[in-house]
Amino acid sequence: MYAVVATGGKQSKVETGAVTVFEKLDAAVGEAVTLPALFMADGDNVVFGADAASVTVTGTVVEHFRGDKQIVFKFKKRKGYKVKKGHRQSQTAVLVTDITVGAPKKAAKAAKAEVPVAEVAAEKAPAKKPAAKKAAPKAEAVAEEKAPAKKPAAKKPAAKKTAPKADKAAE
């Protein structure tokens, strides 16, 4: 049995009992995490699309660490421009303990009990909109202060061409 989960803007294929690396998750080491599944296959059964919402993948956080360094090198030829930077992404290793179809009973009960009344009331209350700011008068003042645009110079007429005078001796 395996499933495809989405976390950290990426999708990963996970199997029960395997350790999978994700982008950093906000969970302490040893804590259980639940990941949303996009797809699940179990030999005969395949669950995807809207039905995949009922699939849950649970696991425990094994460790937090930083991945390999990725080198970023910028270069512009003939300009003398070279910049070398490195980046290490924070990651979390998760041991997948279970892939289940249908909402787990413990998680459903815990989700209902954990929602405080204050949060529910805050969600229902309409959010206050900030007062609209007036447009800055600077743009209009600057436009008025600018000198009028110069008119393009009038084009000079082309010089008149004259035919060469024929010598009278030739006549």
C-alpha atoms as a PDB file:
ATOM      1  CA  MET A   1       0.000   0.000   0.000  1.00  0.00           C
ATOM      2  CA  TYR A   2       1.284   3.457  -0.859  1.00  0.00           C
ATOM      3  CA  ALA A   3      -0.040   6.995  -1.005  1.00  0.00           C
ATOM      4  CA  VAL A   4       0.922  10.320  -2.525  1.00  0.00           C
ATOM      5  CA  VAL A   5       0.894  13.222  -0.058  1.00  0.00           C
ATOM      6  CA  ALA A   6       1.342  16.955  -0.577  1.00  0.00           C
ATOM      7  CA  THR A   7       3.282  19.091   1.878  1.00  0.00           C
ATOM      8  CA  GLY A   8       5.646  22.018   1.504  1.00  0.00           C
ATOM      9  CA  GLY A   9       4.432  22.646  -2.044  1.00  0.00           C
ATOM     10  CA  LYS A  10       5.687  19.259  -3.209  1.00  0.00           C
ATOM     11  CA  GLN A  11       4.229  15.798  -3.633  1.00  0.00           C
ATOM     12  CA  SER A  12       5.861  12.632  -2.293  1.00  0.00           C
ATOM     13  CA  LYS A  13       5.133   8.922  -2.581  1.00  0.00           C
ATOM     14  CA  VAL A  14       5.047   7.313   0.889  1.00  0.00           C
ATOM     15  CA  GLU A  15       4.740   3.730   2.113  1.00  0.00           C
ATOM     16  CA  THR A  16       3.993   2.342   5.550  1.00  0.00           C
ATOM     17  CA  GLY A  17       7.189   1.838   7.559  1.00  0.00           C
ATOM     18  CA  ALA A  18       9.363   4.016   5.292  1.00  0.00           C
ATOM     19  CA  VAL A  19      11.176   7.194   6.345  1.00  0.00           C
ATOM     20  CA  THR A  20      10.411  10.109   4.014  1.00  0.00           C
ATOM     21  CA  VAL A  21      11.988  13.568   3.929  1.00  0.00           C
ATOM     22  CA  PHE A  22       9.762  16.657   3.661  1.00  0.00           C
ATOM     23  CA  GLU A  23      10.337  20.386   3.939  1.00  0.00           C
ATOM     24  CA  LYS A  24      10.463  21.508   7.567  1.00  0.00           C
ATOM     25  CA  LEU A  25       7.262  20.698   9.486  1.00  0.00           C
ATOM     26  CA  ASP A  26       6.216  22.514  12.667  1.00  0.00           C
ATOM     27  CA  ALA A  27       6.252  19.479  14.947  1.00  0.00           C
ATOM     28  CA  ALA A  28       8.661  18.372  17.666  1.00  0.00           C
ATOM     29  CA  VAL A  29      10.767  15.230  17.337  1.00  0.00           C
ATOM     30  CA  GLY A  30       8.674  12.190  18.331  1.00  0.00           C
ATOM     31  CA  GLU A  31       5.396  14.002  17.720  1.00  0.00           C
ATOM     32  CA  ALA A  32       2.700  12.469  15.493  1.00  0.00           C
ATOM     33  CA  VAL A  33       1.792  14.286  12.274  1.00  0.00           C
ATOM     34  CA  THR A  34      -1.111  13.805   9.857  1.00  0.00           C
ATOM     35  CA  LEU A  35      -0.568  14.507   6.165  1.00  0.00           C
ATOM     36  CA  PRO A  36      -3.299  14.972   3.526  1.00  0.00           C
ATOM     37  CA  ALA A  37      -3.297  12.362   0.769  1.00  0.00           C
ATOM     38  CA  LEU A  38      -3.942  13.039  -2.906  1.00  0.00           C
ATOM     39  CA  PHE A  39      -3.869   9.413  -4.046  1.00  0.00           C
ATOM     40  CA  MET A  40      -3.820   5.956  -2.445  1.00  0.00           C
ATOM     41  CA  ALA A  41      -3.297   2.546  -4.064  1.00  0.00           C
ATOM     42  CA  ASP A  42      -3.710  -0.821  -2.382  1.00  0.00           C
ATOM     43  CA  GLY A  43      -3.266  -3.549  -4.965  1.00  0.00           C
ATOM     44  CA  ASP A  44      -6.971  -3.817  -5.891  1.00  0.00           C
ATOM     45  CA  ASN A  45      -8.283  -0.467  -4.618  1.00  0.00           C
ATOM     46  CA  VAL A  46      -7.327   2.933  -5.987  1.00  0.00           C
ATOM     47  CA  VAL A  47      -8.562   6.118  -4.312  1.00  0.00           C
ATOM     48  CA  PHE A  48      -8.034   9.571  -5.880  1.00  0.00           C
ATOM     49  CA  GLY A  49      -9.774  12.890  -6.513  1.00  0.00           C
ATOM     50  CA  ALA A  50     -12.569  13.854  -4.122  1.00  0.00           C
ATOM     51  CA  ASP A  51     -12.488  10.386  -2.513  1.00  0.00           C
ATOM     52  CA  ALA A  52      -8.851  10.937  -1.466  1.00  0.00           C
ATOM     53  CA  ALA A  53     -10.028  13.401   1.199  1.00  0.00           C
ATOM     54  CA  SER A  54     -10.988  10.375   3.304  1.00  0.00           C
ATOM     55  CA  VAL A  55      -7.421   8.993   3.196  1.00  0.00           C
ATOM     56  CA  THR A  56      -5.112   9.996   6.039  1.00  0.00           C
ATOM     57  CA  VAL A  57      -1.398   9.360   6.369  1.00  0.00           C
ATOM     58  CA  THR A  58       0.001   9.424   9.905  1.00  0.00           C
ATOM     59  CA  GLY A  59       3.630   9.391  10.913  1.00  0.00           C
ATOM     60  CA  THR A  60       6.084  10.383  13.617  1.00  0.00           C
ATOM     61  CA  VAL A  61       8.813  12.993  13.274  1.00  0.00           C
ATOM     62  CA  VAL A  62      12.229  11.309  13.412  1.00  0.00           C
ATOM     63  CA  GLU A  63      14.536  14.336  13.104  1.00  0.00           C
ATOM     64  CA  HIS A  64      14.983  17.882  11.810  1.00  0.00           C
ATOM     65  CA  PHE A  65      18.071  18.608   9.720  1.00  0.00           C
ATOM     66  CA  ARG A  66      19.395  20.764   6.908  1.00  0.00           C
ATOM     67  CA  GLY A  67      19.794  19.364   3.426  1.00  0.00           C
ATOM     68  CA  ASP A  68      22.802  19.446   1.125  1.00  0.00           C
ATOM     69  CA  LYS A  69      24.119  22.824   0.054  1.00  0.00           C
ATOM     70  CA  GLN A  70      22.810  24.073  -3.267  1.00  0.00           C
ATOM     71  CA  ILE A  71      25.224  26.412  -5.049  1.00  0.00           C
ATOM     72  CA  VAL A  72      23.825  29.469  -6.853  1.00  0.00           C
ATOM     73  CA  PHE A  73      26.374  31.031  -9.239  1.00  0.00           C
ATOM     74  CA  LYS A  74      25.540  34.173 -11.191  1.00  0.00           C
ATOM     75  CA  PHE A  75      27.788  35.260 -14.027  1.00  0.00           C
ATOM     76  CA  LYS A  76      27.660  37.882 -16.763  1.00  0.00           C
ATOM     77  CA  LYS A  77      30.257  37.531 -19.468  1.00  0.00           C
ATOM     78  CA  ARG A  78      32.522  40.464 -20.299  1.00  0.00           C
ATOM     79  CA  LYS A  79      31.187  42.479 -17.341  1.00  0.00           C
ATOM     80  CA  GLY A  80      33.375  41.198 -14.508  1.00  0.00           C
ATOM     81  CA  TYR A  81      30.270  40.108 -12.571  1.00  0.00           C
ATOM     82  CA  LYS A  82      30.458  36.890 -10.554  1.00  0.00           C
ATOM     83  CA  VAL A  83      28.409  36.055  -7.447  1.00  0.00           C
ATOM     84  CA  LYS A  84      28.529  32.696  -5.659  1.00  0.00           C
ATOM     85  CA  LYS A  85      25.956  31.920  -2.967  1.00  0.00           C
ATOM     86  CA  GLY A  86      24.909  28.737  -1.188  1.00  0.00           C
ATOM     87  CA  HIS A  87      21.605  27.609   0.345  1.00  0.00           C
ATOM     88  CA  ARG A  88      20.704  24.755   2.703  1.00  0.00           C
ATOM     89  CA  GLN A  89      16.998  23.916   3.047  1.00  0.00           C
ATOM     90  CA  SER A  90      15.593  22.925   6.456  1.00  0.00           C
ATOM     91  CA  GLN A  91      14.013  19.464   6.258  1.00  0.00           C
ATOM     92  CA  THR A  92      12.155  16.956   8.435  1.00  0.00           C
ATOM     93  CA  ALA A  93      12.402  13.159   8.336  1.00  0.00           C
ATOM     94  CA  VAL A  94       9.075  11.420   9.017  1.00  0.00           C
ATOM     95  CA  LEU A  95       8.510   7.713   9.678  1.00  0.00           C
ATOM     96  CA  VAL A  96       5.156   6.809   8.083  1.00  0.00           C
ATOM     97  CA  THR A  97       3.285   4.630  10.580  1.00  0.00           C
ATOM     98  CA  ASP A  98      -0.147   4.218   8.986  1.00  0.00           C
ATOM     99  CA  ILE A  99      -2.161   4.857   5.839  1.00  0.00           C
ATOM    100  CA  THR A 100      -5.901   4.612   6.443  1.00  0.00           C
ATOM    101  CA  VAL A 101      -9.027   5.059   4.346  1.00  0.00           C
ATOM    102  CA  GLY A 102     -11.739   6.904   6.261  1.00  0.00           C
ATOM    103  CA  ALA A 103     -11.249   9.505   8.971  1.00  0.00           C
ATOM    104  CA  PRO A 104      -9.528   8.084  12.042  1.00  0.00           C
ATOM    105  CA  LYS A 105     -11.826   8.203  15.073  1.00  0.00           C
ATOM    106  CA  LYS A 106      -9.217   9.640  17.442  1.00  0.00           C
ATOM    107  CA  ALA A 107      -8.340  12.506  15.117  1.00  0.00           C
ATOM    108  CA  ALA A 108     -11.999  13.404  14.511  1.00  0.00           C
ATOM    109  CA  LYS A 109     -12.758  13.577  18.241  1.00  0.00           C
ATOM    110  CA  ALA A 110      -9.589  15.523  18.989  1.00  0.00           C
ATOM    111  CA  ALA A 111     -10.312  18.015  16.219  1.00  0.00           C
ATOM    112  CA  LYS A 112     -13.757  18.787  17.645  1.00  0.00           C
ATOM    113  CA  ALA A 113     -12.445  19.138  21.208  1.00  0.00           C
ATOM    114  CA  GLU A 114      -9.434  21.312  20.316  1.00  0.00           C
ATOM    115  CA  VAL A 115     -11.366  24.176  18.655  1.00  0.00           C
ATOM    116  CA  PRO A 116     -11.880  26.910  21.288  1.00  0.00           C
ATOM    117  CA  VAL A 117     -15.116  28.922  21.296  1.00  0.00           C
ATOM    118  CA  ALA A 118     -13.187  32.205  20.886  1.00  0.00           C
ATOM    119  CA  GLU A 119     -11.717  31.051  17.558  1.00  0.00           C
ATOM    120  CA  VAL A 120     -15.136  30.032  16.236  1.00  0.00           C
ATOM    121  CA  ALA A 121     -16.589  33.415  17.221  1.00  0.00           C
ATOM    122  CA  ALA A 122     -13.662  35.229  15.602  1.00  0.00           C
ATOM    123  CA  GLU A 123     -14.254  33.360  12.326  1.00  0.00           C
ATOM    124  CA  LYS A 124     -17.938  34.302  12.253  1.00  0.00           C
ATOM    125  CA  ALA A 125     -17.359  38.003  13.089  1.00  0.00           C
ATOM    126  CA  PRO A 126     -16.950  40.239  10.042  1.00  0.00           C
ATOM    127  CA  ALA A 127     -13.441  41.532   9.569  1.00  0.00           C
ATOM    128  CA  LYS A 128     -12.921  45.294   9.826  1.00  0.00           C
ATOM    129  CA  LYS A 129     -11.797  46.950   6.636  1.00  0.00           C
ATOM    130  CA  PRO A 130      -9.045  49.565   6.951  1.00  0.00           C
ATOM    131  CA  ALA A 131     -10.009  53.108   5.979  1.00  0.00           C
ATOM    132  CA  ALA A 132      -9.315  53.854   2.340  1.00  0.00           C
ATOM    133  CA  LYS A 133      -6.335  56.151   1.871  1.00  0.00           C
ATOM    134  CA  LYS A 134      -6.696  59.246  -0.251  1.00  0.00           C
ATOM    135  CA  ALA A 135      -4.532  59.551  -3.320  1.00  0.00           C
ATOM    136  CA  ALA A 136      -1.372  61.533  -2.687  1.00  0.00           C
ATOM    137  CA  PRO A 137      -1.625  65.106  -4.039  1.00  0.00           C
ATOM    138  CA  LYS A 138       2.082  65.014  -4.895  1.00  0.00           C
ATOM    139  CA  ALA A 139       1.470  63.441  -8.286  1.00  0.00           C
ATOM    140  CA  GLU A 140      -0.890  66.247  -9.322  1.00  0.00           C
ATOM    141  CA  ALA A 141       1.385  68.986  -7.921  1.00  0.00           C
ATOM    142  CA  VAL A 142       4.417  67.574  -9.701  1.00  0.00           C
ATOM    143  CA  ALA A 143       2.484  67.431 -12.977  1.00  0.00           C
ATOM    144  CA  GLU A 144       1.520  71.111 -12.641  1.00  0.00           C
ATOM    145  CA  GLU A 145       5.062  72.215 -11.773  1.00  0.00           C
ATOM    146  CA  LYS A 146       6.605  70.582 -14.836  1.00  0.00           C
ATOM    147  CA  ALA A 147       7.360  72.911 -17.722  1.00  0.00           C
ATOM    148  CA  PRO A 148       5.314  72.320 -20.839  1.00  0.00           C
ATOM    149  CA  ALA A 149       6.905  69.939 -23.275  1.00  0.00           C
ATOM    150  CA  LYS A 150       9.038  71.561 -25.967  1.00  0.00           C
ATOM    151  CA  LYS A 151       7.612  71.655 -29.431  1.00  0.00           C
ATOM    152  CA  PRO A 152       9.677  69.856 -32.038  1.00  0.00           C
ATOM    153  CA  ALA A 153      11.722  72.200 -34.206  1.00  0.00           C
ATOM    154  CA  ALA A 154      10.188  73.018 -37.555  1.00  0.00           C
ATOM    155  CA  LYS A 155      11.811  71.193 -40.432  1.00  0.00           C
ATOM    156  CA  LYS A 156      13.818  73.290 -42.842  1.00  0.00           C
ATOM    157  CA  PRO A 157      12.798  73.129 -46.464  1.00  0.00           C
ATOM    158  CA  ALA A 158      15.053  71.116 -48.721  1.00  0.00           C
ATOM    159  CA  ALA A 159      17.571  73.042 -50.808  1.00  0.00           C
ATOM    160  CA  LYS A 160      16.396  73.713 -54.347  1.00  0.00           C
ATOM    161  CA  LYS A 161      18.210  71.819 -56.991  1.00  0.00           C
ATOM    162  CA  THR A 162      19.264  73.718 -60.010  1.00  0.00           C
ATOM    163  CA  ALA A 163      20.126  72.264 -63.344  1.00  0.00           C
ATOM    164  CA  PRO A 164      23.736  72.829 -64.388  1.00  0.00           C
ATOM    165  CA  LYS A 165      24.082  75.649 -66.856  1.00  0.00           C
ATOM    166  CA  ALA A 166      25.118  74.532 -70.272  1.00  0.00           C
ATOM    167  CA  ASP A 167      28.059  76.350 -71.774  1.00  0.00           C
ATOM    168  CA  LYS A 168      27.111  78.780 -74.448  1.00  0.00           C
ATOM    169  CA  ALA A 169      30.136  77.727 -76.459  1.00  0.00           C
ATOM    170  CA  ALA A 170      28.709  74.284 -76.861  1.00  0.00           C
ATOM    171  CA  GLU A 171      25.710  75.700 -78.622  1.00  0.00           C
END
